[in-house]
Each structure stands twice: as structure tokens, then as C-alpha cells.
Amino acid sequence: MFTELISEQELVPRSHLECSDGHCEALPVGIFQLHPLSPDTLALRPSTLRITTSASEDLLKQHYIDLKDRPFYPGLVKYMNSGPVVAMVWEGLNVVKTGRMMLGETNPADSKPGTIRGDFCIQVGRNIIHGSDSVKSAEREISLWFKPEELVNYKSCAFDWIYE
């Protein structure tokens, strides 16, 4: 479930159809894994585990429906359907903006070192990671990839270190 920050101690679940500005984002990820380095730092490292989840062509076509008239659309769907994916929902204050900063620019050549695309990508058609560009997009994408009961509501042990 999506949550709204109510106080420094409490997260309150909300309807999966609502999402306040900056509170949710869906990210299908490639063959890398996020590893916690400290309470507020994650590193992206090649995974030694095998990902066995894939997305159907129909799901990918729905996910990228806004790009269907673009010349690269068929290739994008084919590429995303060519191997495993990991879909996840990130939650937190300004998570769309923060997530986009961590991902880097859509064109990896424009991405800064230290971003996922800046460190692991070369060509725009193979930028390995997707992040919602707005809360509205996140709502739509999350509803495509997840059922409401599949979303977990919990308070991270790092919550009090990160939020005032």
C-alpha cells in the first residue's frame, strides 16, 4: 500500500489509487541488485543471484503505451521482453525526484558518474532501468505491475535516521 508521512513515527496506508506528489515510483530493473552500504546509502552491484521474473509482451506494451507512435517502440518492447526484469516500488518524500537523480538522464551519455545509467549504460536504447517521470505515471505503472495486496506497508529501521 502507498503511505503518507503523518509524523516522524507513523506511516498510514492509503488507497493504491491515490498518491501524493513525490510518494511513489515503479522501477523495472535489470540484472543488478541494490545493496545497503549504510542507513542512507545504496550501491548498485552486479547480482550473483539469478532473476527469474519476466514481463509479458502485453504488459510491456501497456507500460510503454505513451511511446507507441515512436519509431523505437517495437524495439523497446522486444528488448524489455528479451530477459528478466525486477519491478519494485520505492516510497519516500520526493521519491520521484530522488529516484530520477539516482537513475541519471535517459541518455546515458548525459548522465553523471555515480548514477545508474552513468555507471552502467552506454546507449539510450539500452539504458537498463526505468523510473516513473511523475507521480501520475507512477500510479499507472504501479497498478500495471502490482495488485494492491502485493504492496507491503512497513516502517524501515532507518526511518528515524532519515526523516525529521
N, C-alpha and C. Protein backbone atom coordinates (compact mmCIF):
# COMPACT_ATOMS: atom_id res chain seq x y z
N MET A 1 0.83 -1.18 0.00
CA MET A 1 0.00 0.00 0.00
C MET A 1 0.87 1.24 0.00
N PHE A 2 0.38 2.30 -0.56
CA PHE A 2 1.11 3.55 -0.50
C PHE A 2 0.86 4.18 0.85
N THR A 3 1.77 5.01 1.27
CA THR A 3 1.65 5.60 2.58
C THR A 3 1.86 7.09 2.52
N GLU A 4 1.40 7.74 3.53
CA GLU A 4 1.57 9.18 3.65
C GLU A 4 2.31 9.44 4.94
N LEU A 5 3.30 10.29 4.90
CA LEU A 5 4.06 10.63 6.09
C LEU A 5 3.18 11.48 6.99
N ILE A 6 2.84 10.97 8.16
CA ILE A 6 1.96 11.68 9.10
C ILE A 6 2.77 12.31 10.22
N SER A 7 3.67 11.59 10.78
CA SER A 7 4.55 12.12 11.83
C SER A 7 5.87 11.38 11.72
N GLU A 8 6.81 11.74 12.56
CA GLU A 8 8.10 11.08 12.47
C GLU A 8 8.03 9.63 12.90
N GLN A 9 6.94 9.20 13.49
CA GLN A 9 6.81 7.84 14.00
C GLN A 9 5.83 6.97 13.21
N GLU A 10 5.00 7.55 12.35
CA GLU A 10 3.86 6.82 11.84
C GLU A 10 3.73 6.89 10.32
N LEU A 11 3.47 5.77 9.71
CA LEU A 11 3.10 5.70 8.29
C LEU A 11 1.68 5.18 8.21
N VAL A 12 0.84 5.88 7.48
CA VAL A 12 -0.57 5.49 7.38
C VAL A 12 -0.86 5.00 5.96
N PRO A 13 -1.42 3.78 5.80
CA PRO A 13 -1.72 3.28 4.46
C PRO A 13 -2.83 4.07 3.79
N ARG A 14 -2.75 4.18 2.48
CA ARG A 14 -3.77 4.87 1.69
C ARG A 14 -4.17 3.98 0.53
N SER A 15 -5.18 4.36 -0.17
CA SER A 15 -5.66 3.63 -1.33
C SER A 15 -4.56 3.55 -2.38
N HIS A 16 -4.49 2.42 -3.10
CA HIS A 16 -3.49 2.29 -4.16
C HIS A 16 -3.78 3.21 -5.33
N LEU A 17 -4.95 3.80 -5.39
CA LEU A 17 -5.29 4.70 -6.49
C LEU A 17 -4.89 6.14 -6.20
N GLU A 18 -4.49 6.43 -4.97
CA GLU A 18 -4.06 7.77 -4.63
C GLU A 18 -2.55 7.77 -4.46
N CYS A 19 -1.94 8.90 -4.71
CA CYS A 19 -0.51 9.01 -4.48
C CYS A 19 -0.17 10.49 -4.45
N SER A 20 0.29 10.98 -3.31
CA SER A 20 0.65 12.39 -3.19
C SER A 20 1.91 12.67 -3.98
N ASP A 21 2.12 13.91 -4.33
CA ASP A 21 3.30 14.31 -5.09
C ASP A 21 4.57 13.81 -4.41
N GLY A 22 5.34 13.03 -5.14
CA GLY A 22 6.63 12.57 -4.64
C GLY A 22 6.57 11.39 -3.71
N HIS A 23 5.53 10.56 -3.73
CA HIS A 23 5.46 9.46 -2.78
C HIS A 23 5.52 8.06 -3.37
N CYS A 24 5.60 7.88 -4.69
CA CYS A 24 5.67 6.52 -5.20
C CYS A 24 6.31 6.49 -6.58
N GLU A 25 6.92 5.37 -6.87
CA GLU A 25 7.59 5.23 -8.15
C GLU A 25 7.78 3.76 -8.45
N ALA A 26 7.57 3.36 -9.68
CA ALA A 26 7.79 1.98 -10.09
C ALA A 26 9.05 1.91 -10.93
N LEU A 27 9.88 0.93 -10.64
CA LEU A 27 11.16 0.83 -11.34
C LEU A 27 11.42 -0.60 -11.79
N PRO A 28 11.16 -0.96 -13.03
CA PRO A 28 11.65 -2.24 -13.50
C PRO A 28 13.17 -2.16 -13.67
N VAL A 29 13.89 -3.08 -13.08
CA VAL A 29 15.35 -3.01 -13.03
C VAL A 29 15.96 -4.19 -13.76
N GLY A 30 17.16 -4.03 -14.28
CA GLY A 30 17.87 -5.08 -14.99
C GLY A 30 18.51 -6.09 -14.08
N ILE A 31 19.72 -6.52 -14.39
CA ILE A 31 20.37 -7.62 -13.68
C ILE A 31 21.32 -7.14 -12.60
N PHE A 32 20.96 -6.06 -11.96
CA PHE A 32 21.77 -5.54 -10.88
C PHE A 32 20.94 -5.55 -9.61
N GLN A 33 21.61 -5.45 -8.48
CA GLN A 33 20.94 -5.50 -7.20
C GLN A 33 21.40 -4.32 -6.37
N LEU A 34 20.47 -3.69 -5.64
CA LEU A 34 20.82 -2.60 -4.74
C LEU A 34 21.28 -3.20 -3.42
N HIS A 35 22.45 -2.79 -2.95
CA HIS A 35 23.00 -3.29 -1.70
C HIS A 35 23.11 -2.14 -0.70
N PRO A 36 22.58 -2.30 0.53
CA PRO A 36 22.72 -1.23 1.51
C PRO A 36 24.17 -1.13 1.99
N LEU A 37 24.71 0.08 1.96
CA LEU A 37 26.06 0.32 2.47
C LEU A 37 26.00 0.98 3.84
N SER A 38 24.99 1.78 4.06
CA SER A 38 24.74 2.43 5.34
C SER A 38 23.26 2.77 5.35
N PRO A 39 22.73 3.29 6.46
CA PRO A 39 21.28 3.55 6.50
C PRO A 39 20.76 4.45 5.39
N ASP A 40 21.60 5.30 4.81
CA ASP A 40 21.11 6.21 3.79
C ASP A 40 21.84 6.08 2.46
N THR A 41 22.56 4.99 2.25
CA THR A 41 23.34 4.82 1.04
C THR A 41 23.13 3.42 0.46
N LEU A 42 22.87 3.37 -0.83
CA LEU A 42 22.74 2.10 -1.54
C LEU A 42 23.76 2.06 -2.66
N ALA A 43 24.26 0.88 -2.97
CA ALA A 43 25.16 0.71 -4.10
C ALA A 43 24.55 -0.29 -5.07
N LEU A 44 24.72 -0.05 -6.34
CA LEU A 44 24.24 -0.97 -7.36
C LEU A 44 25.41 -1.86 -7.75
N ARG A 45 25.25 -3.16 -7.57
CA ARG A 45 26.32 -4.10 -7.86
C ARG A 45 25.76 -5.24 -8.70
N PRO A 46 26.60 -5.82 -9.56
CA PRO A 46 26.12 -6.99 -10.30
C PRO A 46 25.66 -8.06 -9.32
N SER A 47 24.54 -8.67 -9.61
CA SER A 47 23.98 -9.66 -8.71
C SER A 47 24.56 -11.03 -9.00
N THR A 48 24.81 -11.79 -7.95
CA THR A 48 25.24 -13.17 -8.11
C THR A 48 24.03 -14.10 -8.12
N LEU A 49 22.86 -13.53 -7.84
CA LEU A 49 21.63 -14.31 -7.88
C LEU A 49 21.00 -14.18 -9.26
N ARG A 50 20.24 -15.16 -9.63
CA ARG A 50 19.60 -15.15 -10.94
C ARG A 50 18.16 -14.65 -10.82
N ILE A 51 17.80 -13.69 -11.63
CA ILE A 51 16.44 -13.16 -11.64
C ILE A 51 15.62 -14.02 -12.60
N THR A 52 14.48 -14.48 -12.13
CA THR A 52 13.69 -15.39 -12.95
C THR A 52 12.31 -14.83 -13.30
N THR A 53 12.13 -13.55 -13.16
CA THR A 53 10.85 -12.92 -13.49
C THR A 53 10.97 -12.21 -14.82
N SER A 54 9.95 -12.36 -15.64
CA SER A 54 9.93 -11.63 -16.90
C SER A 54 8.57 -10.96 -17.06
N ALA A 55 8.50 -10.02 -17.97
CA ALA A 55 7.25 -9.32 -18.23
C ALA A 55 6.68 -9.80 -19.56
N SER A 56 5.39 -9.94 -19.62
CA SER A 56 4.76 -10.35 -20.88
C SER A 56 4.82 -9.20 -21.88
N GLU A 57 4.71 -9.55 -23.14
CA GLU A 57 4.69 -8.52 -24.19
C GLU A 57 3.50 -7.58 -23.99
N ASP A 58 2.35 -8.14 -23.59
CA ASP A 58 1.17 -7.30 -23.37
C ASP A 58 1.40 -6.29 -22.24
N LEU A 59 2.01 -6.75 -21.15
CA LEU A 59 2.30 -5.83 -20.04
C LEU A 59 3.25 -4.73 -20.49
N LEU A 60 4.27 -5.08 -21.23
CA LEU A 60 5.24 -4.08 -21.70
C LEU A 60 4.59 -3.09 -22.66
N LYS A 61 3.71 -3.58 -23.51
CA LYS A 61 3.01 -2.67 -24.43
C LYS A 61 2.13 -1.69 -23.65
N GLN A 62 1.49 -2.16 -22.60
CA GLN A 62 0.69 -1.27 -21.75
C GLN A 62 1.58 -0.28 -21.01
N HIS A 63 2.70 -0.78 -20.50
CA HIS A 63 3.61 0.06 -19.74
C HIS A 63 4.14 1.22 -20.59
N TYR A 64 4.51 0.93 -21.82
CA TYR A 64 5.10 1.94 -22.71
C TYR A 64 4.09 2.49 -23.72
N ILE A 65 2.81 2.45 -23.40
CA ILE A 65 1.76 2.88 -24.33
C ILE A 65 1.95 4.31 -24.81
N ASP A 66 2.50 5.18 -23.97
CA ASP A 66 2.70 6.58 -24.37
C ASP A 66 3.76 6.73 -25.46
N LEU A 67 4.53 5.68 -25.71
CA LEU A 67 5.59 5.72 -26.73
C LEU A 67 5.20 4.95 -28.00
N LYS A 68 3.97 4.46 -28.08
CA LYS A 68 3.60 3.54 -29.16
C LYS A 68 3.75 4.12 -30.56
N ASP A 69 3.68 5.43 -30.70
CA ASP A 69 3.82 6.05 -32.03
C ASP A 69 5.26 6.42 -32.37
N ARG A 70 6.18 6.15 -31.46
CA ARG A 70 7.59 6.47 -31.70
C ARG A 70 8.26 5.35 -32.49
N PRO A 71 9.23 5.68 -33.33
CA PRO A 71 9.84 4.65 -34.17
C PRO A 71 10.58 3.56 -33.39
N PHE A 72 11.03 3.86 -32.19
CA PHE A 72 11.79 2.89 -31.41
C PHE A 72 10.90 1.97 -30.55
N TYR A 73 9.60 2.20 -30.54
CA TYR A 73 8.68 1.45 -29.68
C TYR A 73 8.76 -0.07 -29.87
N PRO A 74 8.67 -0.60 -31.10
CA PRO A 74 8.75 -2.06 -31.25
C PRO A 74 10.06 -2.63 -30.70
N GLY A 75 11.16 -1.95 -30.95
CA GLY A 75 12.45 -2.42 -30.45
C GLY A 75 12.54 -2.36 -28.93
N LEU A 76 11.94 -1.34 -28.34
CA LEU A 76 11.93 -1.21 -26.88
C LEU A 76 11.17 -2.36 -26.24
N VAL A 77 9.98 -2.65 -26.76
CA VAL A 77 9.18 -3.75 -26.23
C VAL A 77 9.93 -5.08 -26.40
N LYS A 78 10.53 -5.29 -27.57
CA LYS A 78 11.29 -6.52 -27.82
C LYS A 78 12.47 -6.64 -26.86
N TYR A 79 13.21 -5.55 -26.67
CA TYR A 79 14.36 -5.55 -25.77
C TYR A 79 13.92 -5.85 -24.33
N MET A 80 12.89 -5.17 -23.86
CA MET A 80 12.43 -5.38 -22.49
C MET A 80 11.86 -6.78 -22.28
N ASN A 81 11.41 -7.41 -23.35
CA ASN A 81 10.86 -8.76 -23.28
C ASN A 81 11.94 -9.82 -23.48
N SER A 82 13.18 -9.42 -23.71
CA SER A 82 14.24 -10.36 -24.05
C SER A 82 14.90 -11.01 -22.85
N GLY A 83 14.60 -10.56 -21.66
CA GLY A 83 15.25 -11.13 -20.49
C GLY A 83 14.48 -10.82 -19.22
N PRO A 84 15.08 -11.17 -18.10
CA PRO A 84 14.39 -10.99 -16.82
C PRO A 84 14.32 -9.52 -16.40
N VAL A 85 13.34 -9.23 -15.57
CA VAL A 85 13.18 -7.89 -15.00
C VAL A 85 12.85 -8.01 -13.52
N VAL A 86 13.09 -6.94 -12.80
CA VAL A 86 12.67 -6.82 -11.41
C VAL A 86 11.85 -5.55 -11.32
N ALA A 87 10.64 -5.66 -10.87
CA ALA A 87 9.79 -4.48 -10.68
C ALA A 87 9.73 -4.20 -9.19
N MET A 88 9.84 -2.93 -8.84
CA MET A 88 9.77 -2.56 -7.42
C MET A 88 9.11 -1.21 -7.29
N VAL A 89 8.64 -0.94 -6.10
CA VAL A 89 8.04 0.36 -5.78
C VAL A 89 8.89 0.99 -4.70
N TRP A 90 9.35 2.19 -4.97
CA TRP A 90 10.08 2.96 -3.97
C TRP A 90 9.12 3.95 -3.35
N GLU A 91 9.32 4.25 -2.08
CA GLU A 91 8.43 5.15 -1.38
C GLU A 91 9.26 6.08 -0.51
N GLY A 92 8.84 7.32 -0.41
CA GLY A 92 9.51 8.29 0.44
C GLY A 92 9.22 9.70 -0.03
N LEU A 93 9.64 10.65 0.74
CA LEU A 93 9.45 12.05 0.38
C LEU A 93 10.24 12.37 -0.88
N ASN A 94 9.60 13.01 -1.83
CA ASN A 94 10.24 13.40 -3.10
C ASN A 94 10.89 12.23 -3.82
N VAL A 95 10.30 11.05 -3.71
CA VAL A 95 10.93 9.85 -4.26
C VAL A 95 11.04 9.88 -5.78
N VAL A 96 10.11 10.51 -6.46
CA VAL A 96 10.23 10.57 -7.92
C VAL A 96 11.47 11.38 -8.29
N LYS A 97 11.63 12.54 -7.70
CA LYS A 97 12.79 13.39 -7.99
C LYS A 97 14.08 12.69 -7.56
N THR A 98 14.10 12.13 -6.36
CA THR A 98 15.30 11.45 -5.87
C THR A 98 15.63 10.24 -6.72
N GLY A 99 14.60 9.46 -7.07
CA GLY A 99 14.83 8.29 -7.92
C GLY A 99 15.38 8.66 -9.27
N ARG A 100 14.84 9.72 -9.87
CA ARG A 100 15.32 10.17 -11.18
C ARG A 100 16.78 10.63 -11.08
N MET A 101 17.15 11.26 -9.98
CA MET A 101 18.55 11.68 -9.81
C MET A 101 19.46 10.46 -9.71
N MET A 102 19.02 9.40 -9.02
CA MET A 102 19.81 8.19 -8.88
C MET A 102 19.94 7.46 -10.21
N LEU A 103 18.88 7.47 -11.02
CA LEU A 103 18.90 6.80 -12.32
C LEU A 103 19.82 7.49 -13.30
N GLY A 104 19.83 8.81 -13.31
CA GLY A 104 20.58 9.57 -14.31
C GLY A 104 19.66 9.94 -15.47
N GLU A 105 20.22 10.59 -16.45
CA GLU A 105 19.45 11.05 -17.61
C GLU A 105 19.05 9.87 -18.49
N THR A 106 17.97 10.04 -19.24
CA THR A 106 17.51 8.99 -20.15
C THR A 106 18.62 8.58 -21.11
N ASN A 107 19.35 9.55 -21.63
CA ASN A 107 20.51 9.27 -22.48
C ASN A 107 21.72 9.07 -21.57
N PRO A 108 22.25 7.87 -21.49
CA PRO A 108 23.38 7.61 -20.60
C PRO A 108 24.57 8.54 -20.82
N ALA A 109 24.77 9.01 -22.05
CA ALA A 109 25.88 9.92 -22.34
C ALA A 109 25.74 11.25 -21.60
N ASP A 110 24.52 11.59 -21.21
CA ASP A 110 24.27 12.82 -20.47
C ASP A 110 24.23 12.61 -18.96
N SER A 111 24.40 11.37 -18.53
CA SER A 111 24.30 11.03 -17.11
C SER A 111 25.63 11.24 -16.39
N LYS A 112 25.54 11.65 -15.15
CA LYS A 112 26.73 11.87 -14.34
C LYS A 112 27.27 10.54 -13.82
N PRO A 113 28.59 10.47 -13.61
CA PRO A 113 29.15 9.30 -12.94
C PRO A 113 28.51 9.17 -11.55
N GLY A 114 28.31 7.95 -11.12
CA GLY A 114 27.67 7.73 -9.84
C GLY A 114 26.18 7.46 -9.96
N THR A 115 25.61 7.75 -11.14
CA THR A 115 24.21 7.39 -11.37
C THR A 115 24.18 6.00 -12.00
N ILE A 116 23.03 5.35 -11.94
CA ILE A 116 22.91 4.01 -12.51
C ILE A 116 23.23 4.02 -14.00
N ARG A 117 22.62 4.93 -14.73
CA ARG A 117 22.87 4.99 -16.17
C ARG A 117 24.26 5.52 -16.48
N GLY A 118 24.77 6.43 -15.68
CA GLY A 118 26.11 6.96 -15.90
C GLY A 118 27.19 5.91 -15.70
N ASP A 119 26.95 4.97 -14.79
CA ASP A 119 27.94 3.94 -14.48
C ASP A 119 27.77 2.65 -15.28
N PHE A 120 26.55 2.34 -15.70
CA PHE A 120 26.30 1.03 -16.27
C PHE A 120 25.74 1.03 -17.69
N CYS A 121 25.57 2.18 -18.32
CA CYS A 121 24.94 2.24 -19.64
C CYS A 121 25.79 3.02 -20.64
N ILE A 122 25.59 2.72 -21.91
CA ILE A 122 26.28 3.43 -22.97
C ILE A 122 25.29 4.00 -23.98
N GLN A 123 24.31 3.20 -24.40
CA GLN A 123 23.37 3.64 -25.43
C GLN A 123 21.98 3.89 -24.84
N VAL A 124 21.30 4.89 -25.37
CA VAL A 124 19.98 5.26 -24.87
C VAL A 124 18.97 4.13 -25.00
N GLY A 125 19.08 3.32 -26.03
CA GLY A 125 18.16 2.20 -26.22
C GLY A 125 18.40 1.04 -25.30
N ARG A 126 19.47 1.11 -24.52
CA ARG A 126 19.81 0.05 -23.57
C ARG A 126 20.16 0.69 -22.22
N ASN A 127 19.29 1.55 -21.73
CA ASN A 127 19.63 2.27 -20.50
C ASN A 127 19.28 1.52 -19.23
N ILE A 128 18.98 0.26 -19.30
CA ILE A 128 18.79 -0.77 -18.28
C ILE A 128 17.79 -0.51 -17.17
N ILE A 129 17.30 0.69 -17.01
CA ILE A 129 16.43 0.95 -15.87
C ILE A 129 15.35 1.96 -16.25
N HIS A 130 14.20 1.77 -15.67
CA HIS A 130 13.09 2.70 -15.90
C HIS A 130 12.66 3.27 -14.56
N GLY A 131 12.36 4.53 -14.53
CA GLY A 131 11.78 5.17 -13.36
C GLY A 131 10.65 6.08 -13.80
N SER A 132 9.57 6.06 -13.07
CA SER A 132 8.44 6.92 -13.41
C SER A 132 8.87 8.37 -13.43
N ASP A 133 8.33 9.14 -14.39
CA ASP A 133 8.71 10.55 -14.51
C ASP A 133 7.79 11.47 -13.72
N SER A 134 6.74 10.94 -13.15
CA SER A 134 5.81 11.75 -12.36
C SER A 134 5.01 10.83 -11.45
N VAL A 135 4.37 11.41 -10.47
CA VAL A 135 3.52 10.62 -9.59
C VAL A 135 2.37 10.01 -10.37
N LYS A 136 1.81 10.76 -11.31
CA LYS A 136 0.71 10.24 -12.13
C LYS A 136 1.17 9.01 -12.92
N SER A 137 2.35 9.07 -13.53
CA SER A 137 2.89 7.91 -14.24
C SER A 137 3.13 6.75 -13.28
N ALA A 138 3.64 7.06 -12.10
CA ALA A 138 3.90 6.02 -11.10
C ALA A 138 2.62 5.30 -10.72
N GLU A 139 1.55 6.05 -10.50
CA GLU A 139 0.27 5.43 -10.16
C GLU A 139 -0.15 4.43 -11.23
N ARG A 140 -0.07 4.85 -12.48
CA ARG A 140 -0.47 4.00 -13.60
C ARG A 140 0.44 2.77 -13.69
N GLU A 141 1.75 2.99 -13.61
CA GLU A 141 2.70 1.89 -13.76
C GLU A 141 2.60 0.91 -12.60
N ILE A 142 2.45 1.40 -11.40
CA ILE A 142 2.33 0.51 -10.24
C ILE A 142 1.08 -0.35 -10.37
N SER A 143 -0.01 0.24 -10.83
CA SER A 143 -1.24 -0.54 -10.99
C SER A 143 -1.11 -1.60 -12.09
N LEU A 144 -0.22 -1.39 -13.06
CA LEU A 144 0.02 -2.40 -14.09
C LEU A 144 0.84 -3.57 -13.55
N TRP A 145 1.85 -3.27 -12.75
CA TRP A 145 2.80 -4.28 -12.31
C TRP A 145 2.40 -5.00 -11.03
N PHE A 146 1.58 -4.37 -10.21
CA PHE A 146 1.27 -4.93 -8.89
C PHE A 146 -0.22 -4.90 -8.59
N LYS A 147 -0.67 -5.89 -7.83
CA LYS A 147 -2.00 -5.86 -7.23
C LYS A 147 -1.85 -5.10 -5.91
N PRO A 148 -2.89 -4.41 -5.45
CA PRO A 148 -2.78 -3.66 -4.19
C PRO A 148 -2.28 -4.52 -3.02
N GLU A 149 -2.73 -5.76 -2.94
CA GLU A 149 -2.33 -6.63 -1.83
C GLU A 149 -0.87 -7.08 -1.91
N GLU A 150 -0.22 -6.86 -3.04
CA GLU A 150 1.19 -7.23 -3.17
C GLU A 150 2.13 -6.14 -2.65
N LEU A 151 1.61 -4.97 -2.40
CA LEU A 151 2.43 -3.87 -1.90
C LEU A 151 2.49 -3.95 -0.38
N VAL A 152 3.69 -3.86 0.15
CA VAL A 152 3.91 -4.05 1.58
C VAL A 152 4.05 -2.70 2.27
N ASN A 153 3.36 -2.54 3.38
CA ASN A 153 3.45 -1.33 4.18
C ASN A 153 4.26 -1.65 5.43
N TYR A 154 5.38 -0.99 5.61
CA TYR A 154 6.20 -1.22 6.80
C TYR A 154 7.01 0.03 7.10
N LYS A 155 7.51 0.09 8.30
CA LYS A 155 8.38 1.20 8.69
C LYS A 155 9.81 0.68 8.70
N SER A 156 10.64 1.28 7.89
CA SER A 156 12.05 0.89 7.81
C SER A 156 12.76 1.23 9.11
N CYS A 157 13.75 0.42 9.46
CA CYS A 157 14.53 0.72 10.66
C CYS A 157 15.32 2.01 10.49
N ALA A 158 15.54 2.45 9.26
CA ALA A 158 16.28 3.69 9.00
C ALA A 158 15.37 4.92 9.00
N PHE A 159 14.06 4.73 9.16
CA PHE A 159 13.10 5.83 9.07
C PHE A 159 13.48 7.01 9.96
N ASP A 160 13.77 6.74 11.23
CA ASP A 160 14.08 7.82 12.17
C ASP A 160 15.42 8.48 11.89
N TRP A 161 16.29 7.83 11.14
CA TRP A 161 17.57 8.43 10.78
C TRP A 161 17.43 9.36 9.58
N ILE A 162 16.41 9.12 8.77
CA ILE A 162 16.25 9.85 7.51
C ILE A 162 15.26 11.00 7.62
N TYR A 163 14.15 10.79 8.36
CA TYR A 163 13.09 11.80 8.42
C TYR A 163 13.08 12.51 9.77
N GLU A 164 12.79 13.81 9.73
CA GLU A 164 12.67 14.60 10.96
C GLU A 164 11.36 14.32 11.63
